[in-house]
Amino acid sequence: MKMGIIGSGNIVENFISAAAKIDGTDIVALCTRDKGGDRAKFLLEKYSISNVYDDLDNMLASPDINFVYVASPNSLHYQQSLKALLAGKNVVCEKPFTTTAAEARRLVDTARKNGLMIFEAITTIHLPNFQIIKENLHKIGPIRVANLNFSRFSAKYGAYLRGEAANVFNPAFCGGCLQDINIYNVHFMMALFGAPTSYQYFPSLLENGIDASGVLVMQYPGFAASLTASKQAGGENFAHLLGENGRISVVGTTNCCEIVEMDVKDAAFQRLNGQHEKNQLFYEIRVFKAIFDGGDFEKCYELAEYSVQVMGVLEGARKSAGIIFPMDEKN
């Protein structure tokens, strides 16, 4: 994988650092509007990236790149991923995959048509500890309750209160708590149980109509799930799956799943951890690399179709709360 990266934010450094640990994954170019800025210089020097661009078309024209990692603001994910696909590049796009399900559908169809791979960069579903949960879920019997919380006071919320610009709280950039962190809870539930039969989002809205906190209620046959997230306040982060025969819990946030607890009837209590890498992006990149090396388009498109399904729920959830983005009118 010879990768060109769009963006230079904190997630980009995490991605580069994780990719450096995976043989055959090379970051060969960076595209950023601030080509000569301190942040770009820092990344180029620290990770020995040989090429920097401030024009995406120029980077996409490079024959040395076969993958593009899209790590720009949410509102640009669709158009930049589409442009990369049309230029013949495979794509890894940061979460949220797109803004609408229609956009996600077009990206996946374009990738299929052109024989290219496309992945949503979402940590949760690729973590070894999440696989432990999947493999042991049957032991706790029929699920009756699911409670998830991912709440962390954001420095960007403090900036917003001071009147400073913050993309994550800007409707023009398709921000908000649901898109930014509750998405991990949504992936956690949907990768385990599929799409809910119904759902409703109850947000705490800022004056500009963006959610800074919220609770998403998802209904499944036999149980309901409460997915809470906040960028306005911190608290204990967890995921509890409660069944008739016991519980499985995540200690910490669902984007990391750092510790898994299992408390099953007639069995010893267990605390499990199958993850050795602190940088959680390592695991998703490792999966993408294996799929690419094996030419496993079936698995690639299976994951992509799942991302389309998740985008449908995210879009429906925010619209159920009256949260509208500029892209909604175009789809």
C-alpha atoms as a PDB file:
ATOM      1  CA  MET A   1       0.000   0.000   0.000  1.00  0.00           C
ATOM      2  CA  LYS A   2       1.537   3.280  -1.176  1.00  0.00           C
ATOM      3  CA  MET A   3      -0.577   5.903   0.511  1.00  0.00           C
ATOM      4  CA  GLY A   4      -1.216   9.580   0.004  1.00  0.00           C
ATOM      5  CA  ILE A   5      -2.918  11.349   2.898  1.00  0.00           C
ATOM      6  CA  ILE A   6      -5.401  14.213   2.753  1.00  0.00           C
ATOM      7  CA  GLY A   7      -5.224  16.303   5.923  1.00  0.00           C
ATOM      8  CA  SER A   8      -2.761  17.044   8.706  1.00  0.00           C
ATOM      9  CA  GLY A   9      -4.824  16.896  11.915  1.00  0.00           C
ATOM     10  CA  ASN A  10      -4.176  14.780  15.005  1.00  0.00           C
ATOM     11  CA  ILE A  11      -5.851  11.711  13.506  1.00  0.00           C
ATOM     12  CA  VAL A  12      -3.367  11.858  10.618  1.00  0.00           C
ATOM     13  CA  GLU A  13      -0.385  11.487  12.917  1.00  0.00           C
ATOM     14  CA  ASN A  14      -2.095   8.581  14.689  1.00  0.00           C
ATOM     15  CA  PHE A  15      -2.706   6.932  11.330  1.00  0.00           C
ATOM     16  CA  ILE A  16       0.870   7.451  10.116  1.00  0.00           C
ATOM     17  CA  SER A  17       2.272   6.154  13.401  1.00  0.00           C
ATOM     18  CA  ALA A  18       0.111   3.020  13.196  1.00  0.00           C
ATOM     19  CA  ALA A  19       0.874   2.429   9.519  1.00  0.00           C
ATOM     20  CA  ALA A  20       4.601   2.587  10.253  1.00  0.00           C
ATOM     21  CA  LYS A  21       4.255  -0.616  12.284  1.00  0.00           C
ATOM     22  CA  ILE A  22       2.772  -2.595   9.381  1.00  0.00           C
ATOM     23  CA  ASP A  23       5.215  -3.872   6.778  1.00  0.00           C
ATOM     24  CA  GLY A  24       4.359  -2.852   3.241  1.00  0.00           C
ATOM     25  CA  THR A  25       2.264   0.159   4.261  1.00  0.00           C
ATOM     26  CA  ASP A  26       4.126   3.267   3.188  1.00  0.00           C
ATOM     27  CA  ILE A  27       3.054   6.890   3.499  1.00  0.00           C
ATOM     28  CA  VAL A  28       4.543   8.554   0.429  1.00  0.00           C
ATOM     29  CA  ALA A  29       2.655  11.866   0.198  1.00  0.00           C
ATOM     30  CA  LEU A  30       0.706  14.421   2.200  1.00  0.00           C
ATOM     31  CA  CYS A  31      -1.861  16.867   0.816  1.00  0.00           C
ATOM     32  CA  THR A  32      -2.714  19.849   2.999  1.00  0.00           C
ATOM     33  CA  ARG A  33      -3.859  23.412   2.437  1.00  0.00           C
ATOM     34  CA  ASP A  34      -1.103  24.535   4.822  1.00  0.00           C
ATOM     35  CA  LYS A  35       1.727  23.048   2.768  1.00  0.00           C
ATOM     36  CA  GLY A  36       4.411  25.252   4.294  1.00  0.00           C
ATOM     37  CA  GLY A  37       2.962  25.356   7.807  1.00  0.00           C
ATOM     38  CA  ASP A  38       4.549  24.089  10.996  1.00  0.00           C
ATOM     39  CA  ARG A  39       2.184  21.117  11.255  1.00  0.00           C
ATOM     40  CA  ALA A  40       2.949  19.867   7.766  1.00  0.00           C
ATOM     41  CA  LYS A  41       6.690  20.354   8.301  1.00  0.00           C
ATOM     42  CA  PHE A  42       6.507  18.427  11.568  1.00  0.00           C
ATOM     43  CA  LEU A  43       4.797  15.436   9.936  1.00  0.00           C
ATOM     44  CA  LEU A  44       7.091  15.435   6.921  1.00  0.00           C
ATOM     45  CA  GLU A  45      10.225  15.505   9.035  1.00  0.00           C
ATOM     46  CA  LYS A  46       9.155  13.125  11.778  1.00  0.00           C
ATOM     47  CA  TYR A  47       7.860  10.443   9.414  1.00  0.00           C
ATOM     48  CA  SER A  48      10.184  11.056   6.440  1.00  0.00           C
ATOM     49  CA  ILE A  49       7.371  11.715   3.980  1.00  0.00           C
ATOM     50  CA  SER A  50       8.950  12.630   0.667  1.00  0.00           C
ATOM     51  CA  ASN A  51       6.165  14.540  -1.096  1.00  0.00           C
ATOM     52  CA  VAL A  52       3.810  17.297   0.013  1.00  0.00           C
ATOM     53  CA  TYR A  53       1.019  18.847  -2.047  1.00  0.00           C
ATOM     54  CA  ASP A  54      -1.467  21.662  -1.615  1.00  0.00           C
ATOM     55  CA  ASP A  55      -3.472  20.569  -4.661  1.00  0.00           C
ATOM     56  CA  LEU A  56      -5.392  17.285  -4.480  1.00  0.00           C
ATOM     57  CA  ASP A  57      -5.496  16.791  -8.250  1.00  0.00           C
ATOM     58  CA  ASN A  58      -1.715  16.927  -8.374  1.00  0.00           C
ATOM     59  CA  MET A  59      -1.378  14.297  -5.666  1.00  0.00           C
ATOM     60  CA  LEU A  60      -3.934  12.045  -7.346  1.00  0.00           C
ATOM     61  CA  ALA A  61      -1.943  12.266 -10.580  1.00  0.00           C
ATOM     62  CA  SER A  62       1.053  10.627  -8.929  1.00  0.00           C
ATOM     63  CA  PRO A  63       1.694   7.065 -10.177  1.00  0.00           C
ATOM     64  CA  ASP A  64       3.472   6.313  -6.899  1.00  0.00           C
ATOM     65  CA  ILE A  65       0.186   6.293  -4.950  1.00  0.00           C
ATOM     66  CA  ASN A  66      -2.339   3.457  -5.002  1.00  0.00           C
ATOM     67  CA  PHE A  67      -4.283   4.349  -1.840  1.00  0.00           C
ATOM     68  CA  VAL A  68      -5.643   7.634  -0.530  1.00  0.00           C
ATOM     69  CA  TYR A  69      -6.474   8.165   3.141  1.00  0.00           C
ATOM     70  CA  VAL A  70      -9.153  10.855   3.470  1.00  0.00           C
ATOM     71  CA  ALA A  71      -8.830  12.598   6.851  1.00  0.00           C
ATOM     72  CA  SER A  72     -10.358  15.970   6.014  1.00  0.00           C
ATOM     73  CA  PRO A  73     -13.437  17.560   7.657  1.00  0.00           C
ATOM     74  CA  ASN A  74     -16.603  15.443   7.461  1.00  0.00           C
ATOM     75  CA  SER A  75     -18.170  17.623   4.784  1.00  0.00           C
ATOM     76  CA  LEU A  76     -15.337  16.798   2.360  1.00  0.00           C
ATOM     77  CA  HIS A  77     -15.254  13.020   2.805  1.00  0.00           C
ATOM     78  CA  TYR A  78     -17.624  12.214  -0.037  1.00  0.00           C
ATOM     79  CA  GLN A  79     -16.289  14.510  -2.725  1.00  0.00           C
ATOM     80  CA  GLN A  80     -12.631  13.771  -2.006  1.00  0.00           C
ATOM     81  CA  SER A  81     -13.193  10.002  -1.817  1.00  0.00           C
ATOM     82  CA  LEU A  82     -15.120  10.109  -5.088  1.00  0.00           C
ATOM     83  CA  LYS A  83     -12.379  12.140  -6.762  1.00  0.00           C
ATOM     84  CA  ALA A  84      -9.771   9.630  -5.585  1.00  0.00           C
ATOM     85  CA  LEU A  85     -11.790   6.681  -6.909  1.00  0.00           C
ATOM     86  CA  LEU A  86     -12.298   8.370 -10.274  1.00  0.00           C
ATOM     87  CA  ALA A  87      -8.526   8.914 -10.403  1.00  0.00           C
ATOM     88  CA  GLY A  88      -8.022   5.158 -10.024  1.00  0.00           C
ATOM     89  CA  LYS A  89      -6.970   5.173  -6.375  1.00  0.00           C
ATOM     90  CA  ASN A  90      -8.190   2.866  -3.627  1.00  0.00           C
ATOM     91  CA  VAL A  91      -9.599   4.730  -0.618  1.00  0.00           C
ATOM     92  CA  VAL A  92      -9.548   4.603   3.161  1.00  0.00           C
ATOM     93  CA  CYS A  93     -11.985   7.263   4.388  1.00  0.00           C
ATOM     94  CA  GLU A  94     -12.166   8.419   7.985  1.00  0.00           C
ATOM     95  CA  LYS A  95     -15.401   8.065   9.889  1.00  0.00           C
ATOM     96  CA  PRO A  96     -18.079   9.149   9.345  1.00  0.00           C
ATOM     97  CA  PHE A  97     -17.830   7.525   5.919  1.00  0.00           C
ATOM     98  CA  THR A  98     -20.052  10.203   4.367  1.00  0.00           C
ATOM     99  CA  THR A  99     -22.852  12.558   5.405  1.00  0.00           C
ATOM    100  CA  THR A 100     -25.758  10.695   3.800  1.00  0.00           C
ATOM    101  CA  ALA A 101     -26.537   7.123   2.851  1.00  0.00           C
ATOM    102  CA  ALA A 102     -26.936   8.196  -0.794  1.00  0.00           C
ATOM    103  CA  GLU A 103     -23.360   9.486  -0.824  1.00  0.00           C
ATOM    104  CA  ALA A 104     -22.110   6.249   0.717  1.00  0.00           C
ATOM    105  CA  ARG A 105     -24.042   4.245  -1.875  1.00  0.00           C
ATOM    106  CA  ARG A 106     -22.439   6.190  -4.740  1.00  0.00           C
ATOM    107  CA  LEU A 107     -18.930   5.695  -3.350  1.00  0.00           C
ATOM    108  CA  VAL A 108     -19.344   1.946  -3.021  1.00  0.00           C
ATOM    109  CA  ASP A 109     -20.928   1.638  -6.463  1.00  0.00           C
ATOM    110  CA  THR A 110     -18.094   3.682  -7.979  1.00  0.00           C
ATOM    111  CA  ALA A 111     -15.480   1.499  -6.292  1.00  0.00           C
ATOM    112  CA  ARG A 112     -17.187  -1.652  -7.590  1.00  0.00           C
ATOM    113  CA  LYS A 113     -17.497  -0.252 -11.111  1.00  0.00           C
ATOM    114  CA  ASN A 114     -13.805   0.621 -11.236  1.00  0.00           C
ATOM    115  CA  GLY A 115     -12.474  -2.490  -9.520  1.00  0.00           C
ATOM    116  CA  LEU A 116     -11.153  -0.519  -6.549  1.00  0.00           C
ATOM    117  CA  MET A 117     -11.225  -0.988  -2.806  1.00  0.00           C
ATOM    118  CA  ILE A 118     -12.823   1.406  -0.347  1.00  0.00           C
ATOM    119  CA  PHE A 119     -12.849   1.217   3.447  1.00  0.00           C
ATOM    120  CA  GLU A 120     -14.297   3.260   6.274  1.00  0.00           C
ATOM    121  CA  ALA A 121     -11.652   3.914   8.903  1.00  0.00           C
ATOM    122  CA  ILE A 122     -13.560   2.881  12.012  1.00  0.00           C
ATOM    123  CA  THR A 123     -11.570   1.347  14.848  1.00  0.00           C
ATOM    124  CA  THR A 124     -14.258  -0.466  16.836  1.00  0.00           C
ATOM    125  CA  ILE A 125     -15.212  -3.327  14.545  1.00  0.00           C
ATOM    126  CA  HIS A 126     -11.607  -4.316  13.773  1.00  0.00           C
ATOM    127  CA  LEU A 127     -10.336  -4.510  17.357  1.00  0.00           C
ATOM    128  CA  PRO A 128      -9.295  -7.918  18.753  1.00  0.00           C
ATOM    129  CA  ASN A 129     -11.283  -7.198  21.918  1.00  0.00           C
ATOM    130  CA  PHE A 130     -14.394  -6.556  19.833  1.00  0.00           C
ATOM    131  CA  GLN A 131     -13.864  -9.965  18.231  1.00  0.00           C
ATOM    132  CA  ILE A 132     -13.744 -11.446  21.750  1.00  0.00           C
ATOM    133  CA  ILE A 133     -17.145  -9.908  22.401  1.00  0.00           C
ATOM    134  CA  LYS A 134     -18.591 -11.308  19.163  1.00  0.00           C
ATOM    135  CA  GLU A 135     -17.263 -14.782  19.855  1.00  0.00           C
ATOM    136  CA  ASN A 136     -18.650 -14.897  23.407  1.00  0.00           C
ATOM    137  CA  LEU A 137     -21.929 -13.037  22.974  1.00  0.00           C
ATOM    138  CA  HIS A 138     -23.976 -16.237  22.865  1.00  0.00           C
ATOM    139  CA  LYS A 139     -22.865 -17.143  26.395  1.00  0.00           C
ATOM    140  CA  ILE A 140     -24.925 -14.416  28.078  1.00  0.00           C
ATOM    141  CA  GLY A 141     -28.175 -15.623  26.513  1.00  0.00           C
ATOM    142  CA  PRO A 142     -30.907 -13.426  25.057  1.00  0.00           C
ATOM    143  CA  ILE A 143     -29.934  -9.737  25.308  1.00  0.00           C
ATOM    144  CA  ARG A 144     -32.416  -7.682  27.286  1.00  0.00           C
ATOM    145  CA  VAL A 145     -30.625  -4.356  27.819  1.00  0.00           C
ATOM    146  CA  ALA A 146     -27.734  -2.513  26.188  1.00  0.00           C
ATOM    147  CA  ASN A 147     -26.295   0.675  27.707  1.00  0.00           C
ATOM    148  CA  LEU A 148     -23.364   2.515  26.132  1.00  0.00           C
ATOM    149  CA  ASN A 149     -21.696   5.775  27.125  1.00  0.00           C
ATOM    150  CA  PHE A 150     -18.890   7.719  25.428  1.00  0.00           C
ATOM    151  CA  SER A 151     -18.667  11.113  27.095  1.00  0.00           C
ATOM    152  CA  ARG A 152     -15.592  13.289  27.183  1.00  0.00           C
ATOM    153  CA  PHE A 153     -15.313  17.059  27.609  1.00  0.00           C
ATOM    154  CA  SER A 154     -13.796  18.415  24.422  1.00  0.00           C
ATOM    155  CA  ALA A 155     -11.293  21.262  24.311  1.00  0.00           C
ATOM    156  CA  LYS A 156     -12.999  22.251  21.078  1.00  0.00           C
ATOM    157  CA  TYR A 157     -16.228  22.778  23.006  1.00  0.00           C
ATOM    158  CA  GLY A 158     -14.338  25.167  25.250  1.00  0.00           C
ATOM    159  CA  ALA A 159     -13.139  26.944  22.093  1.00  0.00           C
ATOM    160  CA  TYR A 160     -16.706  27.094  20.803  1.00  0.00           C
ATOM    161  CA  LEU A 161     -17.848  28.745  24.030  1.00  0.00           C
ATOM    162  CA  ARG A 162     -15.128  31.358  23.561  1.00  0.00           C
ATOM    163  CA  GLY A 163     -16.462  32.133  20.109  1.00  0.00           C
ATOM    164  CA  GLU A 164     -13.635  30.393  18.273  1.00  0.00           C
ATOM    165  CA  ALA A 165     -14.210  28.303  15.148  1.00  0.00           C
ATOM    166  CA  ALA A 166     -14.484  24.546  15.654  1.00  0.00           C
ATOM    167  CA  ASN A 167     -15.358  22.280  12.712  1.00  0.00           C
ATOM    168  CA  VAL A 168     -16.850  19.616  14.961  1.00  0.00           C
ATOM    169  CA  PHE A 169     -19.516  22.090  16.139  1.00  0.00           C
ATOM    170  CA  ASN A 170     -20.174  23.627  12.738  1.00  0.00           C
ATOM    171  CA  PRO A 171     -23.129  22.471  10.607  1.00  0.00           C
ATOM    172  CA  ALA A 172     -21.291  23.591   7.447  1.00  0.00           C
ATOM    173  CA  PHE A 173     -18.671  20.916   8.208  1.00  0.00           C
ATOM    174  CA  CYS A 174     -21.298  18.286   9.117  1.00  0.00           C
ATOM    175  CA  GLY A 175     -20.122  18.088  12.708  1.00  0.00           C
ATOM    176  CA  GLY A 176     -21.781  17.135  15.956  1.00  0.00           C
ATOM    177  CA  CYS A 177     -21.489  14.601  18.721  1.00  0.00           C
ATOM    178  CA  LEU A 178     -23.398  11.865  16.901  1.00  0.00           C
ATOM    179  CA  GLN A 179     -21.081  12.049  13.900  1.00  0.00           C
ATOM    180  CA  ASP A 180     -17.912  12.408  15.954  1.00  0.00           C
ATOM    181  CA  ILE A 181     -18.087   9.972  18.873  1.00  0.00           C
ATOM    182  CA  ASN A 182     -21.526   8.372  19.202  1.00  0.00           C
ATOM    183  CA  ILE A 183     -20.769   6.824  15.818  1.00  0.00           C
ATOM    184  CA  TYR A 184     -18.484   4.390  17.653  1.00  0.00           C
ATOM    185  CA  ASN A 185     -21.417   3.267  19.790  1.00  0.00           C
ATOM    186  CA  VAL A 186     -23.545   2.878  16.665  1.00  0.00           C
ATOM    187  CA  HIS A 187     -20.888   0.715  15.018  1.00  0.00           C
ATOM    188  CA  PHE A 188     -20.546  -1.324  18.205  1.00  0.00           C
ATOM    189  CA  MET A 189     -24.249  -2.158  18.182  1.00  0.00           C
ATOM    190  CA  MET A 190     -24.732  -2.626  14.457  1.00  0.00           C
ATOM    191  CA  ALA A 191     -21.686  -4.858  13.981  1.00  0.00           C
ATOM    192  CA  LEU A 192     -23.104  -7.129  16.682  1.00  0.00           C
ATOM    193  CA  PHE A 193     -26.840  -6.975  16.055  1.00  0.00           C
ATOM    194  CA  GLY A 194     -27.410  -5.413  12.644  1.00  0.00           C
ATOM    195  CA  ALA A 195     -29.712  -2.513  11.907  1.00  0.00           C
ATOM    196  CA  PRO A 196     -32.277  -1.624  14.595  1.00  0.00           C
ATOM    197  CA  THR A 197     -35.977  -1.991  13.854  1.00  0.00           C
ATOM    198  CA  SER A 198     -36.487   1.635  14.930  1.00  0.00           C
ATOM    199  CA  TYR A 199     -34.503   4.463  16.474  1.00  0.00           C
ATOM    200  CA  GLN A 200     -34.828   8.019  17.764  1.00  0.00           C
ATOM    201  CA  TYR A 201     -32.173  10.561  18.634  1.00  0.00           C
ATOM    202  CA  PHE A 202     -32.569  12.942  21.582  1.00  0.00           C
ATOM    203  CA  PRO A 203     -29.812  15.585  21.413  1.00  0.00           C
ATOM    204  CA  SER A 204     -28.676  18.593  23.373  1.00  0.00           C
ATOM    205  CA  LEU A 205     -28.462  21.237  20.646  1.00  0.00           C
ATOM    206  CA  LEU A 206     -26.269  24.298  20.446  1.00  0.00           C
ATOM    207  CA  GLU A 207     -27.655  27.576  19.131  1.00  0.00           C
ATOM    208  CA  ASN A 208     -26.466  26.718  15.629  1.00  0.00           C
ATOM    209  CA  GLY A 209     -28.442  23.459  15.603  1.00  0.00           C
ATOM    210  CA  ILE A 210     -25.500  21.104  16.167  1.00  0.00           C
ATOM    211  CA  ASP A 211     -25.645  18.385  18.819  1.00  0.00           C
ATOM    212  CA  ALA A 212     -22.990  18.627  21.495  1.00  0.00           C
ATOM    213  CA  SER A 213     -24.484  15.733  23.480  1.00  0.00           C
ATOM    214  CA  GLY A 214     -27.218  13.226  22.865  1.00  0.00           C
ATOM    215  CA  VAL A 215     -28.880   9.897  23.524  1.00  0.00           C
ATOM    216  CA  LEU A 216     -29.736   7.574  20.657  1.00  0.00           C
ATOM    217  CA  VAL A 217     -32.331   4.921  21.484  1.00  0.00           C
ATOM    218  CA  MET A 218     -32.245   1.882  19.220  1.00  0.00           C
ATOM    219  CA  GLN A 219     -34.963  -0.781  19.333  1.00  0.00           C
ATOM    220  CA  TYR A 220     -34.137  -4.407  18.563  1.00  0.00           C
ATOM    221  CA  PRO A 221     -36.338  -7.497  18.821  1.00  0.00           C
ATOM    222  CA  GLY A 222     -36.482  -8.276  22.531  1.00  0.00           C
ATOM    223  CA  PHE A 223     -34.459  -5.340  23.817  1.00  0.00           C
ATOM    224  CA  ALA A 224     -33.648  -1.649  23.549  1.00  0.00           C
ATOM    225  CA  ALA A 225     -30.247   0.013  23.492  1.00  0.00           C
ATOM    226  CA  SER A 226     -29.366   3.423  24.908  1.00  0.00           C
ATOM    227  CA  LEU A 227     -26.355   5.058  23.256  1.00  0.00           C
ATOM    228  CA  THR A 228     -25.155   8.162  25.112  1.00  0.00           C
ATOM    229  CA  ALA A 229     -22.362  10.508  24.064  1.00  0.00           C
ATOM    230  CA  SER A 230     -21.238  13.988  25.031  1.00  0.00           C
ATOM    231  CA  LYS A 231     -18.532  16.460  24.108  1.00  0.00           C
ATOM    232  CA  GLN A 232     -19.818  18.899  26.754  1.00  0.00           C
ATOM    233  CA  ALA A 233     -19.205  16.739  29.807  1.00  0.00           C
ATOM    234  CA  GLY A 234     -17.103  13.791  30.897  1.00  0.00           C
ATOM    235  CA  GLY A 235     -18.056  10.672  32.768  1.00  0.00           C
ATOM    236  CA  GLU A 236     -17.509   6.959  33.117  1.00  0.00           C
ATOM    237  CA  ASN A 237     -17.268   5.388  29.665  1.00  0.00           C
ATOM    238  CA  PHE A 238     -18.564   1.876  29.114  1.00  0.00           C
ATOM    239  CA  ALA A 239     -20.670  -0.534  27.115  1.00  0.00           C
ATOM    240  CA  HIS A 240     -22.890  -3.003  28.968  1.00  0.00           C
ATOM    241  CA  LEU A 241     -24.639  -5.872  27.214  1.00  0.00           C
ATOM    242  CA  LEU A 242     -26.992  -7.518  29.693  1.00  0.00           C
ATOM    243  CA  GLY A 243     -28.429 -10.930  28.924  1.00  0.00           C
ATOM    244  CA  GLU A 244     -30.528 -13.447  30.805  1.00  0.00           C
ATOM    245  CA  ASN A 245     -27.425 -15.504  31.588  1.00  0.00           C
ATOM    246  CA  GLY A 246     -24.973 -12.723  32.408  1.00  0.00           C
ATOM    247  CA  ARG A 247     -23.248  -9.676  31.007  1.00  0.00           C
ATOM    248  CA  ILE A 248     -20.411  -8.615  28.742  1.00  0.00           C
ATOM    249  CA  SER A 249     -18.998  -5.153  29.353  1.00  0.00           C
ATOM    250  CA  VAL A 250     -16.410  -2.868  27.835  1.00  0.00           C
ATOM    251  CA  VAL A 251     -14.426  -0.871  30.370  1.00  0.00           C
ATOM    252  CA  GLY A 252     -13.728   2.411  28.618  1.00  0.00           C
ATOM    253  CA  THR A 253     -14.775   3.842  25.277  1.00  0.00           C
ATOM    254  CA  THR A 254     -16.110   1.827  22.348  1.00  0.00           C
ATOM    255  CA  ASN A 255     -13.488   3.209  19.967  1.00  0.00           C
ATOM    256  CA  CYS A 256     -10.792   1.421  22.009  1.00  0.00           C
ATOM    257  CA  CYS A 257     -12.507  -1.474  23.849  1.00  0.00           C
ATOM    258  CA  GLU A 258      -9.460  -1.631  26.090  1.00  0.00           C
ATOM    259  CA  ILE A 259     -10.824  -4.214  28.538  1.00  0.00           C
ATOM    260  CA  VAL A 260     -13.642  -6.737  28.174  1.00  0.00           C
ATOM    261  CA  GLU A 261     -15.397  -8.101  31.251  1.00  0.00           C
ATOM    262  CA  MET A 262     -17.455 -11.285  31.172  1.00  0.00           C
ATOM    263  CA  ASP A 263     -19.708 -12.256  34.051  1.00  0.00           C
ATOM    264  CA  VAL A 264     -21.637 -15.370  33.056  1.00  0.00           C
ATOM    265  CA  LYS A 265     -23.770 -17.647  35.244  1.00  0.00           C
ATOM    266  CA  ASP A 266     -21.929 -20.733  36.468  1.00  0.00           C
ATOM    267  CA  ALA A 267     -18.593 -19.438  35.170  1.00  0.00           C
ATOM    268  CA  ALA A 268     -15.706 -17.526  36.675  1.00  0.00           C
ATOM    269  CA  PHE A 269     -15.624 -13.751  36.191  1.00  0.00           C
ATOM    270  CA  GLN A 270     -13.127 -12.748  33.488  1.00  0.00           C
ATOM    271  CA  ARG A 271     -11.284  -9.595  32.470  1.00  0.00           C
ATOM    272  CA  LEU A 272      -9.912 -10.049  28.964  1.00  0.00           C
ATOM    273  CA  ASN A 273      -7.573  -8.066  26.740  1.00  0.00           C
ATOM    274  CA  GLY A 274      -6.281  -9.319  23.412  1.00  0.00           C
ATOM    275  CA  GLN A 275      -4.818  -5.996  22.285  1.00  0.00           C
ATOM    276  CA  HIS A 276      -1.095  -5.257  22.485  1.00  0.00           C
ATOM    277  CA  GLU A 277      -1.025  -1.998  20.519  1.00  0.00           C
ATOM    278  CA  LYS A 278      -1.991   1.245  22.255  1.00  0.00           C
ATOM    279  CA  ASN A 279      -2.646   2.960  18.918  1.00  0.00           C
ATOM    280  CA  GLN A 280      -6.020   1.477  18.034  1.00  0.00           C
ATOM    281  CA  LEU A 281      -5.729   2.464  14.368  1.00  0.00           C
ATOM    282  CA  PHE A 282      -3.118  -0.264  13.971  1.00  0.00           C
ATOM    283  CA  TYR A 283      -5.790  -2.947  13.894  1.00  0.00           C
ATOM    284  CA  GLU A 284      -7.979  -1.420  11.187  1.00  0.00           C
ATOM    285  CA  ILE A 285      -4.973  -0.719   8.933  1.00  0.00           C
ATOM    286  CA  ARG A 286      -3.793  -4.300   9.433  1.00  0.00           C
ATOM    287  CA  VAL A 287      -7.181  -5.565   8.283  1.00  0.00           C
ATOM    288  CA  PHE A 288      -7.213  -3.289   5.224  1.00  0.00           C
ATOM    289  CA  LYS A 289      -3.687  -4.353   4.299  1.00  0.00           C
ATOM    290  CA  ALA A 290      -4.564  -8.056   4.534  1.00  0.00           C
ATOM    291  CA  ILE A 291      -7.663  -7.575   2.375  1.00  0.00           C
ATOM    292  CA  PHE A 292      -5.688  -5.601  -0.195  1.00  0.00           C
ATOM    293  CA  ASP A 293      -2.794  -8.076  -0.299  1.00  0.00           C
ATOM    294  CA  GLY A 294      -5.208 -10.967  -0.713  1.00  0.00           C
ATOM    295  CA  GLY A 295      -7.265  -9.230  -3.393  1.00  0.00           C
ATOM    296  CA  ASP A 296     -10.322 -10.033  -1.294  1.00  0.00           C
ATOM    297  CA  PHE A 297     -12.846  -7.735  -2.959  1.00  0.00           C
ATOM    298  CA  GLU A 298     -15.724  -9.760  -1.516  1.00  0.00           C
ATOM    299  CA  LYS A 299     -14.666  -8.915   2.040  1.00  0.00           C
ATOM    300  CA  CYS A 300     -13.923  -5.309   1.090  1.00  0.00           C
ATOM    301  CA  TYR A 301     -17.385  -4.772  -0.360  1.00  0.00           C
ATOM    302  CA  GLU A 302     -19.007  -6.607   2.546  1.00  0.00           C
ATOM    303  CA  LEU A 303     -17.473  -4.044   4.896  1.00  0.00           C
ATOM    304  CA  ALA A 304     -18.398  -1.210   2.539  1.00  0.00           C
ATOM    305  CA  GLU A 305     -22.040  -2.302   2.342  1.00  0.00           C
ATOM    306  CA  TYR A 306     -22.111  -2.430   6.123  1.00  0.00           C
ATOM    307  CA  SER A 307     -20.824   1.170   6.207  1.00  0.00           C
ATOM    308  CA  VAL A 308     -23.651   2.197   3.871  1.00  0.00           C
ATOM    309  CA  GLN A 309     -26.110   0.631   6.315  1.00  0.00           C
ATOM    310  CA  VAL A 310     -24.554   2.492   9.242  1.00  0.00           C
ATOM    311  CA  MET A 311     -24.743   5.766   7.331  1.00  0.00           C
ATOM    312  CA  GLY A 312     -28.451   5.167   6.802  1.00  0.00           C
ATOM    313  CA  VAL A 313     -29.002   4.890  10.548  1.00  0.00           C
ATOM    314  CA  LEU A 314     -26.796   7.897  11.352  1.00  0.00           C
ATOM    315  CA  GLU A 315     -28.578  10.028   8.777  1.00  0.00           C
ATOM    316  CA  GLY A 316     -32.004   8.913   9.944  1.00  0.00           C
ATOM    317  CA  ALA A 317     -31.091   9.446  13.595  1.00  0.00           C
ATOM    318  CA  ARG A 318     -29.907  13.030  13.194  1.00  0.00           C
ATOM    319  CA  LYS A 319     -32.857  13.891  10.948  1.00  0.00           C
ATOM    320  CA  SER A 320     -35.210  12.442  13.569  1.00  0.00           C
ATOM    321  CA  ALA A 321     -33.890  15.212  15.833  1.00  0.00           C
ATOM    322  CA  GLY A 322     -34.133  17.912  13.173  1.00  0.00           C
ATOM    323  CA  ILE A 323     -30.367  18.159  12.569  1.00  0.00           C
ATOM    324  CA  ILE A 324     -29.932  19.157   8.937  1.00  0.00           C
ATOM    325  CA  PHE A 325     -26.699  19.527   6.971  1.00  0.00           C
ATOM    326  CA  PRO A 326     -26.172  21.430   3.709  1.00  0.00           C
ATOM    327  CA  MET A 327     -25.590  18.128   1.859  1.00  0.00           C
ATOM    328  CA  ASP A 328     -29.080  16.880   2.696  1.00  0.00           C
ATOM    329  CA  GLU A 329     -30.631  19.116   0.054  1.00  0.00           C
ATOM    330  CA  LYS A 330     -28.315  17.667  -2.613  1.00  0.00           C
ATOM    331  CA  ASN A 331     -29.300  14.064  -1.899  1.00  0.00           C
END
